[in-house]
């Protein structure tokens, strides 16, 4: 079983994350931000990565620290579970429809973090979550997990659908990328013999 665990404690947040790449999509999520909980639950269910995420954050200030730090910790746990990345598919791609919306998410577990973001929201909040933090969440995950990540909304109008399509697309792309490929014989999927530099 490929598992990872991160504990992160600062003056702003206290976080525990556990992941199992070879899980079945079980989750136990509590960030204090309802819509963020819903999105991480979607990520877990559709990636089949088991995720436990517990956050005690300074929500009396705002949602920024909780959003950013939980994404950093999740990315670190994913990186921990991936280890040297031997035998993984490395690449994943998903088109994710949700009613009138279509999102495309492509990931390379390259060890070289980079986010390309082609999405926008026309309202300031989803539930109580600031929509400007959605891009920041994806940026923080890509940085800490070492992902090259391209997220694009091809079309869509409903802000809830746009956000959910992006998270489900990310989940399905990650499911492909973390899968072990028996044909690789346990080799790291790079001609350099390593990923990340």
N, C-alpha and C. Protein backbone atom coordinates (compact mmCIF):
# COMPACT_ATOMS: atom_id res chain seq x y z
N UNK A 1 0.84 -1.18 0.00
CA UNK A 1 0.00 0.00 0.00
C UNK A 1 0.88 1.24 0.00
N UNK A 2 0.57 2.17 -0.91
CA UNK A 2 1.33 3.42 -0.99
C UNK A 2 0.58 4.49 -0.21
N UNK A 3 1.09 4.78 0.97
CA UNK A 3 0.42 5.72 1.87
C UNK A 3 1.34 6.88 2.20
N UNK A 4 0.71 8.00 2.55
CA UNK A 4 1.46 9.18 2.96
C UNK A 4 0.74 9.88 4.10
N UNK A 5 1.51 10.56 4.91
CA UNK A 5 0.94 11.26 6.08
C UNK A 5 1.70 12.57 6.27
N UNK A 6 0.96 13.63 6.53
CA UNK A 6 1.55 14.93 6.81
C UNK A 6 0.86 15.55 8.01
N UNK A 7 1.64 16.03 8.94
CA UNK A 7 1.14 16.85 10.04
C UNK A 7 1.79 18.22 9.91
N UNK A 8 0.99 19.24 9.88
CA UNK A 8 1.49 20.61 9.70
C UNK A 8 0.85 21.50 10.76
N UNK A 9 1.69 22.10 11.58
CA UNK A 9 1.16 22.96 12.64
C UNK A 9 1.90 24.28 12.62
N UNK A 10 1.14 25.35 12.43
CA UNK A 10 1.68 26.71 12.48
C UNK A 10 0.80 27.54 13.41
N UNK A 11 1.09 28.82 13.51
CA UNK A 11 0.23 29.70 14.31
C UNK A 11 -1.11 29.96 13.64
N UNK A 12 -1.22 29.54 12.37
CA UNK A 12 -2.44 29.80 11.61
C UNK A 12 -3.31 28.56 11.41
N UNK A 13 -2.68 27.38 11.34
CA UNK A 13 -3.44 26.15 11.10
C UNK A 13 -2.78 24.96 11.79
N UNK A 14 -3.60 23.97 12.09
CA UNK A 14 -3.16 22.69 12.64
C UNK A 14 -3.81 21.61 11.77
N UNK A 15 -2.99 20.86 11.03
CA UNK A 15 -3.52 20.00 9.97
C UNK A 15 -2.95 18.58 10.07
N UNK A 16 -3.82 17.62 9.84
CA UNK A 16 -3.43 16.22 9.67
C UNK A 16 -3.99 15.73 8.34
N UNK A 17 -3.12 15.14 7.52
CA UNK A 17 -3.55 14.54 6.26
C UNK A 17 -2.98 13.13 6.17
N UNK A 18 -3.81 12.19 5.75
CA UNK A 18 -3.38 10.83 5.43
C UNK A 18 -3.98 10.45 4.09
N UNK A 19 -3.17 9.83 3.23
CA UNK A 19 -3.67 9.38 1.92
C UNK A 19 -3.23 7.95 1.67
N UNK A 20 -4.03 7.25 0.88
CA UNK A 20 -3.70 5.91 0.41
C UNK A 20 -3.98 5.89 -1.09
N UNK A 21 -2.91 5.86 -1.89
CA UNK A 21 -3.06 5.89 -3.34
C UNK A 21 -3.78 4.66 -3.87
N UNK A 22 -3.72 3.56 -3.14
CA UNK A 22 -4.31 2.30 -3.58
C UNK A 22 -5.63 2.03 -2.85
N UNK A 23 -6.34 3.09 -2.57
CA UNK A 23 -7.59 2.96 -1.82
C UNK A 23 -8.79 2.74 -2.70
N UNK A 24 -9.95 3.12 -2.16
CA UNK A 24 -11.21 2.93 -2.88
C UNK A 24 -12.04 4.21 -2.90
N UNK A 25 -11.41 5.34 -2.52
CA UNK A 25 -12.11 6.61 -2.53
C UNK A 25 -12.85 6.91 -1.25
N UNK A 26 -12.37 6.35 -0.14
CA UNK A 26 -12.96 6.66 1.17
C UNK A 26 -12.38 7.98 1.66
N UNK A 27 -13.20 8.76 2.34
CA UNK A 27 -12.73 10.07 2.80
C UNK A 27 -13.31 10.42 4.16
N UNK A 28 -12.57 11.26 4.87
CA UNK A 28 -13.00 11.84 6.13
C UNK A 28 -12.41 13.25 6.15
N UNK A 29 -13.23 14.22 5.74
CA UNK A 29 -12.76 15.57 5.48
C UNK A 29 -13.44 16.57 6.40
N UNK A 30 -12.65 17.41 7.05
CA UNK A 30 -13.19 18.47 7.88
C UNK A 30 -12.21 19.64 7.90
N UNK A 31 -12.50 20.66 7.08
CA UNK A 31 -11.64 21.84 7.03
C UNK A 31 -12.25 23.05 7.72
N UNK A 32 -13.55 22.98 8.00
CA UNK A 32 -14.25 24.16 8.52
C UNK A 32 -14.85 25.01 7.42
N UNK A 33 -14.58 24.65 6.16
CA UNK A 33 -15.15 25.35 5.00
C UNK A 33 -15.97 24.32 4.22
N UNK A 34 -17.27 24.44 4.28
CA UNK A 34 -18.13 23.40 3.74
C UNK A 34 -17.91 23.09 2.28
N UNK A 35 -17.77 24.11 1.44
CA UNK A 35 -17.62 23.84 0.02
C UNK A 35 -16.27 23.22 -0.29
N UNK A 36 -15.23 23.62 0.43
CA UNK A 36 -13.91 23.00 0.26
C UNK A 36 -13.98 21.53 0.67
N UNK A 37 -14.66 21.23 1.78
CA UNK A 37 -14.86 19.82 2.16
C UNK A 37 -15.48 19.04 1.01
N UNK A 38 -16.52 19.60 0.42
CA UNK A 38 -17.24 18.94 -0.67
C UNK A 38 -16.31 18.66 -1.86
N UNK A 39 -15.44 19.61 -2.18
CA UNK A 39 -14.54 19.43 -3.31
C UNK A 39 -13.46 18.39 -3.03
N UNK A 40 -12.91 18.37 -1.83
CA UNK A 40 -11.89 17.37 -1.51
C UNK A 40 -12.53 15.99 -1.44
N UNK A 41 -13.78 15.92 -0.98
CA UNK A 41 -14.51 14.65 -1.03
C UNK A 41 -14.66 14.16 -2.47
N UNK A 42 -14.98 15.09 -3.38
CA UNK A 42 -15.07 14.72 -4.80
C UNK A 42 -13.74 14.21 -5.32
N UNK A 43 -12.65 14.90 -4.94
CA UNK A 43 -11.32 14.46 -5.35
C UNK A 43 -11.05 13.03 -4.90
N UNK A 44 -11.33 12.74 -3.64
CA UNK A 44 -11.08 11.41 -3.11
C UNK A 44 -11.93 10.35 -3.81
N UNK A 45 -13.22 10.61 -3.91
CA UNK A 45 -14.14 9.61 -4.48
C UNK A 45 -13.78 9.27 -5.93
N UNK A 46 -13.44 10.27 -6.72
CA UNK A 46 -13.24 10.04 -8.14
C UNK A 46 -11.80 9.67 -8.50
N UNK A 47 -10.87 9.91 -7.61
CA UNK A 47 -9.49 9.46 -7.83
C UNK A 47 -9.25 8.06 -7.28
N UNK A 48 -10.15 7.60 -6.39
CA UNK A 48 -10.00 6.37 -5.61
C UNK A 48 -8.82 6.45 -4.65
N UNK A 49 -8.38 7.66 -4.35
CA UNK A 49 -7.35 7.88 -3.32
C UNK A 49 -8.08 8.13 -2.00
N UNK A 50 -7.84 7.29 -1.00
CA UNK A 50 -8.42 7.53 0.31
C UNK A 50 -7.77 8.77 0.91
N UNK A 51 -8.60 9.66 1.46
CA UNK A 51 -8.09 10.91 2.04
C UNK A 51 -8.73 11.17 3.39
N UNK A 52 -7.88 11.36 4.39
CA UNK A 52 -8.30 11.94 5.66
C UNK A 52 -7.67 13.32 5.73
N UNK A 53 -8.49 14.34 5.98
CA UNK A 53 -8.00 15.71 6.07
C UNK A 53 -8.72 16.41 7.21
N UNK A 54 -7.98 16.75 8.24
CA UNK A 54 -8.52 17.43 9.41
C UNK A 54 -7.79 18.75 9.60
N UNK A 55 -8.54 19.83 9.64
CA UNK A 55 -7.94 21.16 9.73
C UNK A 55 -8.60 21.96 10.85
N UNK A 56 -7.77 22.55 11.69
CA UNK A 56 -8.22 23.55 12.66
C UNK A 56 -7.50 24.84 12.27
N UNK A 57 -8.23 25.73 11.60
CA UNK A 57 -7.60 26.92 11.05
C UNK A 57 -8.18 28.21 11.62
N UNK A 58 -7.51 29.31 11.31
CA UNK A 58 -7.91 30.62 11.85
C UNK A 58 -8.99 31.24 10.96
N UNK A 59 -10.13 30.59 10.89
CA UNK A 59 -11.22 31.06 10.05
C UNK A 59 -11.82 32.36 10.57
N UNK A 60 -11.51 32.74 11.81
CA UNK A 60 -11.95 34.04 12.31
C UNK A 60 -11.22 35.18 11.60
N UNK A 61 -10.06 34.86 10.98
CA UNK A 61 -9.33 35.85 10.19
C UNK A 61 -9.92 35.88 8.78
N UNK A 62 -9.74 34.78 8.04
CA UNK A 62 -10.37 34.56 6.75
C UNK A 62 -10.11 33.12 6.34
N UNK A 63 -10.39 32.77 5.10
CA UNK A 63 -10.28 31.37 4.66
C UNK A 63 -8.95 31.07 3.97
N UNK A 64 -8.12 32.08 3.80
CA UNK A 64 -6.90 31.92 3.00
C UNK A 64 -5.95 30.87 3.59
N UNK A 65 -5.63 31.00 4.88
CA UNK A 65 -4.65 30.10 5.48
C UNK A 65 -5.14 28.66 5.48
N UNK A 66 -6.42 28.45 5.79
CA UNK A 66 -6.97 27.10 5.80
C UNK A 66 -6.93 26.49 4.41
N UNK A 67 -7.30 27.26 3.40
CA UNK A 67 -7.29 26.76 2.02
C UNK A 67 -5.87 26.43 1.59
N UNK A 68 -4.97 27.39 1.75
CA UNK A 68 -3.59 27.21 1.29
C UNK A 68 -2.88 26.09 2.04
N UNK A 69 -2.94 26.11 3.36
CA UNK A 69 -2.18 25.14 4.14
C UNK A 69 -2.71 23.73 3.99
N UNK A 70 -4.03 23.59 3.85
CA UNK A 70 -4.58 22.24 3.65
C UNK A 70 -4.16 21.68 2.30
N UNK A 71 -4.07 22.54 1.29
CA UNK A 71 -3.61 22.09 -0.03
C UNK A 71 -2.14 21.73 0.00
N UNK A 72 -1.33 22.53 0.69
CA UNK A 72 0.10 22.21 0.83
C UNK A 72 0.28 20.86 1.51
N UNK A 73 -0.46 20.65 2.61
CA UNK A 73 -0.33 19.41 3.37
C UNK A 73 -0.81 18.21 2.55
N UNK A 74 -1.90 18.38 1.81
CA UNK A 74 -2.38 17.29 0.95
C UNK A 74 -1.35 16.95 -0.11
N UNK A 75 -0.77 17.96 -0.74
CA UNK A 75 0.26 17.73 -1.74
C UNK A 75 1.47 17.02 -1.17
N UNK A 76 1.87 17.40 0.04
CA UNK A 76 3.01 16.74 0.69
C UNK A 76 2.71 15.27 0.98
N UNK A 77 1.49 14.99 1.42
CA UNK A 77 1.11 13.60 1.69
C UNK A 77 1.08 12.78 0.40
N UNK A 78 0.58 13.38 -0.69
CA UNK A 78 0.60 12.68 -1.98
C UNK A 78 2.03 12.40 -2.43
N UNK A 79 2.90 13.38 -2.28
CA UNK A 79 4.30 13.20 -2.65
C UNK A 79 4.96 12.11 -1.81
N UNK A 80 4.64 12.10 -0.53
CA UNK A 80 5.17 11.08 0.38
C UNK A 80 4.72 9.69 -0.08
N UNK A 81 3.45 9.57 -0.44
CA UNK A 81 2.91 8.27 -0.86
C UNK A 81 3.51 7.81 -2.19
N UNK A 82 3.84 8.76 -3.06
CA UNK A 82 4.41 8.41 -4.37
C UNK A 82 5.86 7.96 -4.28
N UNK A 83 6.57 8.37 -3.24
CA UNK A 83 7.96 7.94 -3.06
C UNK A 83 8.81 8.33 -4.24
N UNK A 84 9.55 7.35 -4.80
CA UNK A 84 10.41 7.64 -5.96
C UNK A 84 9.65 7.58 -7.28
N UNK A 85 8.34 7.32 -7.20
CA UNK A 85 7.44 7.32 -8.36
C UNK A 85 7.69 6.15 -9.32
N UNK A 86 8.40 5.16 -8.87
CA UNK A 86 8.70 4.01 -9.72
C UNK A 86 7.42 3.30 -10.15
N UNK A 87 7.31 3.03 -11.44
CA UNK A 87 6.22 2.24 -11.98
C UNK A 87 4.92 2.96 -12.23
N UNK A 88 4.82 4.26 -11.89
CA UNK A 88 3.55 4.96 -12.06
C UNK A 88 3.31 5.31 -13.53
N UNK A 89 2.05 5.57 -13.85
CA UNK A 89 1.72 6.03 -15.20
C UNK A 89 2.29 7.40 -15.50
N UNK A 90 2.43 8.22 -14.49
CA UNK A 90 2.99 9.58 -14.52
C UNK A 90 2.04 10.60 -15.11
N UNK A 91 1.43 10.31 -16.25
CA UNK A 91 0.54 11.26 -16.92
C UNK A 91 -0.92 10.87 -16.73
N UNK A 92 -1.77 11.88 -16.64
CA UNK A 92 -3.21 11.64 -16.60
C UNK A 92 -3.95 12.78 -17.26
N UNK A 93 -5.08 12.44 -17.86
CA UNK A 93 -5.88 13.45 -18.57
C UNK A 93 -7.34 13.10 -18.43
N UNK A 94 -8.17 14.11 -18.22
CA UNK A 94 -9.60 13.87 -18.11
C UNK A 94 -10.38 15.05 -18.66
N UNK A 95 -11.41 14.74 -19.44
CA UNK A 95 -12.46 15.70 -19.75
C UNK A 95 -13.59 15.42 -18.76
N UNK A 96 -14.05 16.46 -18.12
CA UNK A 96 -15.02 16.29 -17.04
C UNK A 96 -16.26 17.14 -17.31
N UNK A 97 -17.35 16.51 -17.75
CA UNK A 97 -18.58 17.27 -17.99
C UNK A 97 -19.42 17.36 -16.72
N UNK A 98 -20.06 18.48 -16.54
CA UNK A 98 -21.09 18.61 -15.50
C UNK A 98 -22.18 19.53 -16.04
N UNK A 99 -23.27 18.92 -16.48
CA UNK A 99 -24.36 19.65 -17.11
C UNK A 99 -23.83 20.50 -18.27
N UNK A 100 -23.94 21.82 -18.18
CA UNK A 100 -23.55 22.69 -19.29
C UNK A 100 -22.05 22.97 -19.34
N UNK A 101 -21.31 22.46 -18.37
CA UNK A 101 -19.89 22.78 -18.22
C UNK A 101 -19.02 21.61 -18.68
N UNK A 102 -17.88 21.96 -19.29
CA UNK A 102 -16.87 20.97 -19.64
C UNK A 102 -15.50 21.49 -19.21
N UNK A 103 -14.82 20.70 -18.40
CA UNK A 103 -13.47 21.04 -17.96
C UNK A 103 -12.49 19.99 -18.47
N UNK A 104 -11.27 20.43 -18.70
CA UNK A 104 -10.19 19.51 -19.08
C UNK A 104 -9.05 19.71 -18.09
N UNK A 105 -8.57 18.61 -17.53
CA UNK A 105 -7.45 18.65 -16.59
C UNK A 105 -6.41 17.64 -17.03
N UNK A 106 -5.17 18.10 -17.13
CA UNK A 106 -4.06 17.24 -17.54
C UNK A 106 -2.96 17.37 -16.49
N UNK A 107 -2.41 16.23 -16.06
CA UNK A 107 -1.39 16.25 -15.01
C UNK A 107 -0.19 15.42 -15.44
N UNK A 108 0.98 15.90 -15.05
CA UNK A 108 2.23 15.16 -15.18
C UNK A 108 2.88 15.17 -13.80
N UNK A 109 3.05 13.99 -13.22
CA UNK A 109 3.73 13.92 -11.91
C UNK A 109 5.23 13.99 -12.20
N UNK A 110 5.65 15.17 -12.52
CA UNK A 110 6.98 15.41 -13.06
C UNK A 110 8.02 15.74 -12.01
N UNK A 111 7.56 16.17 -10.83
CA UNK A 111 8.48 16.70 -9.84
C UNK A 111 8.84 18.15 -10.12
N UNK A 112 8.31 18.70 -11.21
CA UNK A 112 8.53 20.10 -11.56
C UNK A 112 7.19 20.83 -11.48
N UNK A 113 6.91 21.48 -10.36
CA UNK A 113 5.60 22.08 -10.16
C UNK A 113 5.33 23.26 -11.09
N UNK A 114 4.16 23.22 -11.71
CA UNK A 114 3.75 24.32 -12.58
C UNK A 114 2.24 24.23 -12.77
N UNK A 115 1.56 25.36 -12.65
CA UNK A 115 0.12 25.38 -12.85
C UNK A 115 -0.22 26.32 -14.01
N UNK A 116 -0.98 25.80 -14.97
CA UNK A 116 -1.60 26.63 -15.99
C UNK A 116 -3.10 26.63 -15.68
N UNK A 117 -3.66 27.81 -15.49
CA UNK A 117 -5.04 27.96 -15.04
C UNK A 117 -5.83 28.75 -16.07
N UNK A 118 -6.82 28.13 -16.66
CA UNK A 118 -7.68 28.78 -17.65
C UNK A 118 -9.13 28.60 -17.21
N UNK A 119 -9.46 29.26 -16.12
CA UNK A 119 -10.81 29.18 -15.57
C UNK A 119 -11.12 30.48 -14.85
N UNK A 120 -12.39 30.84 -14.82
CA UNK A 120 -12.77 32.04 -14.08
C UNK A 120 -14.17 31.84 -13.51
N UNK A 121 -14.44 32.61 -12.47
CA UNK A 121 -15.72 32.54 -11.78
C UNK A 121 -16.39 33.91 -11.83
N UNK A 122 -17.70 33.90 -11.91
CA UNK A 122 -18.44 35.15 -12.03
C UNK A 122 -19.15 35.54 -10.73
N UNK A 123 -18.91 34.77 -9.67
CA UNK A 123 -19.42 35.17 -8.37
C UNK A 123 -18.31 35.04 -7.34
N UNK A 124 -18.42 35.79 -6.26
CA UNK A 124 -17.34 35.88 -5.28
C UNK A 124 -17.27 34.68 -4.35
N UNK A 125 -18.37 33.99 -4.15
CA UNK A 125 -18.39 32.88 -3.19
C UNK A 125 -19.16 31.70 -3.74
N UNK A 126 -18.75 30.51 -3.32
CA UNK A 126 -19.52 29.28 -3.47
C UNK A 126 -19.77 28.78 -2.06
N UNK A 127 -21.02 28.80 -1.64
CA UNK A 127 -21.28 28.62 -0.22
C UNK A 127 -20.64 29.80 0.51
N UNK A 128 -19.76 29.48 1.44
CA UNK A 128 -19.01 30.53 2.15
C UNK A 128 -17.57 30.63 1.67
N UNK A 129 -17.21 29.85 0.65
CA UNK A 129 -15.82 29.80 0.19
C UNK A 129 -15.57 30.85 -0.87
N UNK A 130 -14.51 31.62 -0.70
CA UNK A 130 -14.13 32.65 -1.66
C UNK A 130 -13.63 32.00 -2.94
N UNK A 131 -14.25 32.31 -4.07
CA UNK A 131 -13.88 31.64 -5.32
C UNK A 131 -12.46 32.00 -5.77
N UNK A 132 -11.92 33.14 -5.33
CA UNK A 132 -10.54 33.46 -5.70
C UNK A 132 -9.54 32.47 -5.11
N UNK A 133 -9.96 31.71 -4.10
CA UNK A 133 -9.08 30.74 -3.46
C UNK A 133 -9.01 29.40 -4.20
N UNK A 134 -9.89 29.19 -5.16
CA UNK A 134 -9.91 27.91 -5.87
C UNK A 134 -8.62 27.73 -6.67
N UNK A 135 -8.26 28.73 -7.47
CA UNK A 135 -7.00 28.66 -8.20
C UNK A 135 -5.83 28.50 -7.25
N UNK A 136 -5.88 29.21 -6.12
CA UNK A 136 -4.79 29.14 -5.15
C UNK A 136 -4.65 27.73 -4.57
N UNK A 137 -5.78 27.05 -4.36
CA UNK A 137 -5.74 25.67 -3.87
C UNK A 137 -5.00 24.78 -4.86
N UNK A 138 -5.36 24.88 -6.13
CA UNK A 138 -4.70 24.06 -7.15
C UNK A 138 -3.22 24.41 -7.27
N UNK A 139 -2.89 25.68 -7.18
CA UNK A 139 -1.49 26.10 -7.23
C UNK A 139 -0.71 25.49 -6.07
N UNK A 140 -1.27 25.53 -4.87
CA UNK A 140 -0.58 25.02 -3.68
C UNK A 140 -0.39 23.51 -3.75
N UNK A 141 -1.40 22.79 -4.23
CA UNK A 141 -1.26 21.34 -4.39
C UNK A 141 -0.19 21.01 -5.42
N UNK A 142 -0.20 21.71 -6.54
CA UNK A 142 0.78 21.42 -7.59
C UNK A 142 2.19 21.70 -7.10
N UNK A 143 2.38 22.77 -6.33
CA UNK A 143 3.70 23.11 -5.82
C UNK A 143 4.21 22.05 -4.84
N UNK A 144 3.37 21.66 -3.89
CA UNK A 144 3.86 20.77 -2.83
C UNK A 144 3.93 19.31 -3.28
N UNK A 145 3.11 18.92 -4.25
CA UNK A 145 3.15 17.53 -4.75
C UNK A 145 4.11 17.37 -5.92
N UNK A 146 4.58 18.48 -6.49
CA UNK A 146 5.47 18.41 -7.64
C UNK A 146 4.76 18.04 -8.92
N UNK A 147 3.61 18.67 -9.16
CA UNK A 147 2.79 18.36 -10.32
C UNK A 147 2.88 19.46 -11.37
N UNK A 148 3.03 19.07 -12.63
CA UNK A 148 2.72 19.98 -13.73
C UNK A 148 1.24 19.79 -14.00
N UNK A 149 0.46 20.86 -13.84
CA UNK A 149 -0.99 20.73 -13.83
C UNK A 149 -1.61 21.79 -14.73
N UNK A 150 -2.40 21.35 -15.69
CA UNK A 150 -3.11 22.25 -16.60
C UNK A 150 -4.61 22.08 -16.36
N UNK A 151 -5.27 23.16 -15.98
CA UNK A 151 -6.70 23.15 -15.71
C UNK A 151 -7.39 24.16 -16.60
N UNK A 152 -8.36 23.70 -17.37
CA UNK A 152 -9.02 24.57 -18.33
C UNK A 152 -10.52 24.28 -18.34
N UNK A 153 -11.31 25.33 -18.26
CA UNK A 153 -12.75 25.21 -18.46
C UNK A 153 -13.02 25.54 -19.92
N UNK A 154 -13.47 24.55 -20.68
CA UNK A 154 -13.72 24.75 -22.10
C UNK A 154 -14.96 25.60 -22.33
N UNK A 155 -15.98 25.36 -21.51
CA UNK A 155 -17.17 26.20 -21.51
C UNK A 155 -17.98 25.87 -20.28
N UNK A 156 -18.86 26.79 -19.91
CA UNK A 156 -19.70 26.60 -18.73
C UNK A 156 -20.19 27.92 -18.20
N UNK A 157 -21.28 27.87 -17.44
CA UNK A 157 -21.86 29.09 -16.89
C UNK A 157 -22.06 29.02 -15.39
N UNK A 158 -22.51 27.88 -14.89
CA UNK A 158 -22.83 27.76 -13.47
C UNK A 158 -21.54 27.60 -12.67
N UNK A 159 -21.33 28.49 -11.70
CA UNK A 159 -20.06 28.49 -10.96
C UNK A 159 -19.83 27.22 -10.16
N UNK A 160 -20.88 26.67 -9.59
CA UNK A 160 -20.77 25.41 -8.86
C UNK A 160 -20.32 24.30 -9.81
N UNK A 161 -20.93 24.23 -10.97
CA UNK A 161 -20.58 23.21 -11.95
C UNK A 161 -19.14 23.37 -12.43
N UNK A 162 -18.72 24.60 -12.64
CA UNK A 162 -17.35 24.86 -13.08
C UNK A 162 -16.35 24.34 -12.06
N UNK A 163 -16.56 24.68 -10.79
CA UNK A 163 -15.64 24.25 -9.74
C UNK A 163 -15.64 22.73 -9.61
N UNK A 164 -16.81 22.14 -9.58
CA UNK A 164 -16.89 20.70 -9.38
C UNK A 164 -16.30 19.93 -10.56
N UNK A 165 -16.51 20.43 -11.77
CA UNK A 165 -15.92 19.78 -12.95
C UNK A 165 -14.40 19.81 -12.88
N UNK A 166 -13.82 20.90 -12.39
CA UNK A 166 -12.37 20.99 -12.26
C UNK A 166 -11.85 19.98 -11.24
N UNK A 167 -12.51 19.86 -10.09
CA UNK A 167 -12.06 18.92 -9.07
C UNK A 167 -12.22 17.48 -9.52
N UNK A 168 -13.34 17.17 -10.17
CA UNK A 168 -13.53 15.81 -10.65
C UNK A 168 -12.55 15.47 -11.77
N UNK A 169 -12.26 16.44 -12.63
CA UNK A 169 -11.27 16.23 -13.67
C UNK A 169 -9.89 16.00 -13.08
N UNK A 170 -9.54 16.78 -12.07
CA UNK A 170 -8.26 16.59 -11.39
C UNK A 170 -8.19 15.21 -10.78
N UNK A 171 -9.28 14.78 -10.16
CA UNK A 171 -9.32 13.46 -9.53
C UNK A 171 -9.09 12.36 -10.56
N UNK A 172 -9.79 12.42 -11.67
CA UNK A 172 -9.69 11.36 -12.67
C UNK A 172 -8.33 11.36 -13.36
N UNK A 173 -7.75 12.55 -13.55
CA UNK A 173 -6.40 12.63 -14.12
C UNK A 173 -5.38 12.05 -13.14
N UNK A 174 -5.53 12.34 -11.87
CA UNK A 174 -4.61 11.80 -10.87
C UNK A 174 -4.75 10.29 -10.74
N UNK A 175 -5.98 9.79 -10.87
CA UNK A 175 -6.17 8.34 -10.81
C UNK A 175 -5.33 7.65 -11.88
N UNK A 176 -5.35 8.18 -13.10
CA UNK A 176 -4.53 7.62 -14.17
C UNK A 176 -3.04 7.74 -13.86
N UNK A 177 -2.64 8.91 -13.39
CA UNK A 177 -1.22 9.21 -13.22
C UNK A 177 -0.56 8.39 -12.11
N UNK A 178 -1.29 8.10 -11.04
CA UNK A 178 -0.69 7.37 -9.92
C UNK A 178 -0.77 5.85 -10.07
N UNK A 179 -1.58 5.38 -11.04
CA UNK A 179 -1.73 3.94 -11.24
C UNK A 179 -0.39 3.30 -11.58
N UNK A 180 -0.16 2.13 -11.04
CA UNK A 180 1.04 1.38 -11.37
C UNK A 180 0.84 0.63 -12.68
N UNK A 181 1.84 0.69 -13.54
CA UNK A 181 1.79 0.05 -14.84
C UNK A 181 2.76 -1.13 -14.83
N UNK A 182 2.23 -2.35 -14.88
CA UNK A 182 3.06 -3.55 -14.79
C UNK A 182 4.08 -3.62 -15.92
N UNK A 183 3.76 -3.04 -17.06
CA UNK A 183 4.69 -3.10 -18.19
C UNK A 183 5.97 -2.30 -17.92
N UNK A 184 5.91 -1.38 -16.97
CA UNK A 184 7.09 -0.56 -16.67
C UNK A 184 8.10 -1.30 -15.80
N UNK A 185 7.69 -2.42 -15.24
CA UNK A 185 8.61 -3.24 -14.46
C UNK A 185 9.21 -2.51 -13.27
N UNK A 186 8.48 -1.56 -12.72
CA UNK A 186 8.97 -0.84 -11.55
C UNK A 186 9.96 0.27 -11.88
N UNK A 187 10.14 0.57 -13.15
CA UNK A 187 11.08 1.63 -13.54
C UNK A 187 10.46 3.01 -13.31
N UNK A 188 11.29 3.98 -12.98
CA UNK A 188 10.85 5.37 -12.90
C UNK A 188 10.56 5.84 -14.32
N UNK A 189 9.39 6.45 -14.57
CA UNK A 189 9.00 6.81 -15.93
C UNK A 189 9.71 8.09 -16.43
N UNK A 190 11.01 7.99 -16.60
CA UNK A 190 11.80 9.10 -17.13
C UNK A 190 13.10 8.55 -17.67
N UNK A 191 13.55 9.08 -18.80
CA UNK A 191 14.85 8.64 -19.34
C UNK A 191 16.00 9.08 -18.45
N UNK A 192 15.75 10.02 -17.55
CA UNK A 192 16.78 10.47 -16.61
C UNK A 192 16.96 9.49 -15.46
N UNK A 193 15.97 8.61 -15.28
CA UNK A 193 16.02 7.69 -14.16
C UNK A 193 15.49 8.25 -12.86
N UNK A 194 15.03 9.48 -12.92
CA UNK A 194 14.42 10.10 -11.75
C UNK A 194 13.48 11.19 -12.21
N UNK A 195 12.55 11.55 -11.34
CA UNK A 195 11.62 12.64 -11.62
C UNK A 195 11.87 13.76 -10.61
N UNK A 196 11.88 14.98 -11.11
CA UNK A 196 11.99 16.10 -10.21
C UNK A 196 13.24 16.91 -10.34
N UNK A 197 13.87 16.89 -11.49
CA UNK A 197 15.03 17.75 -11.63
C UNK A 197 15.91 17.34 -12.78
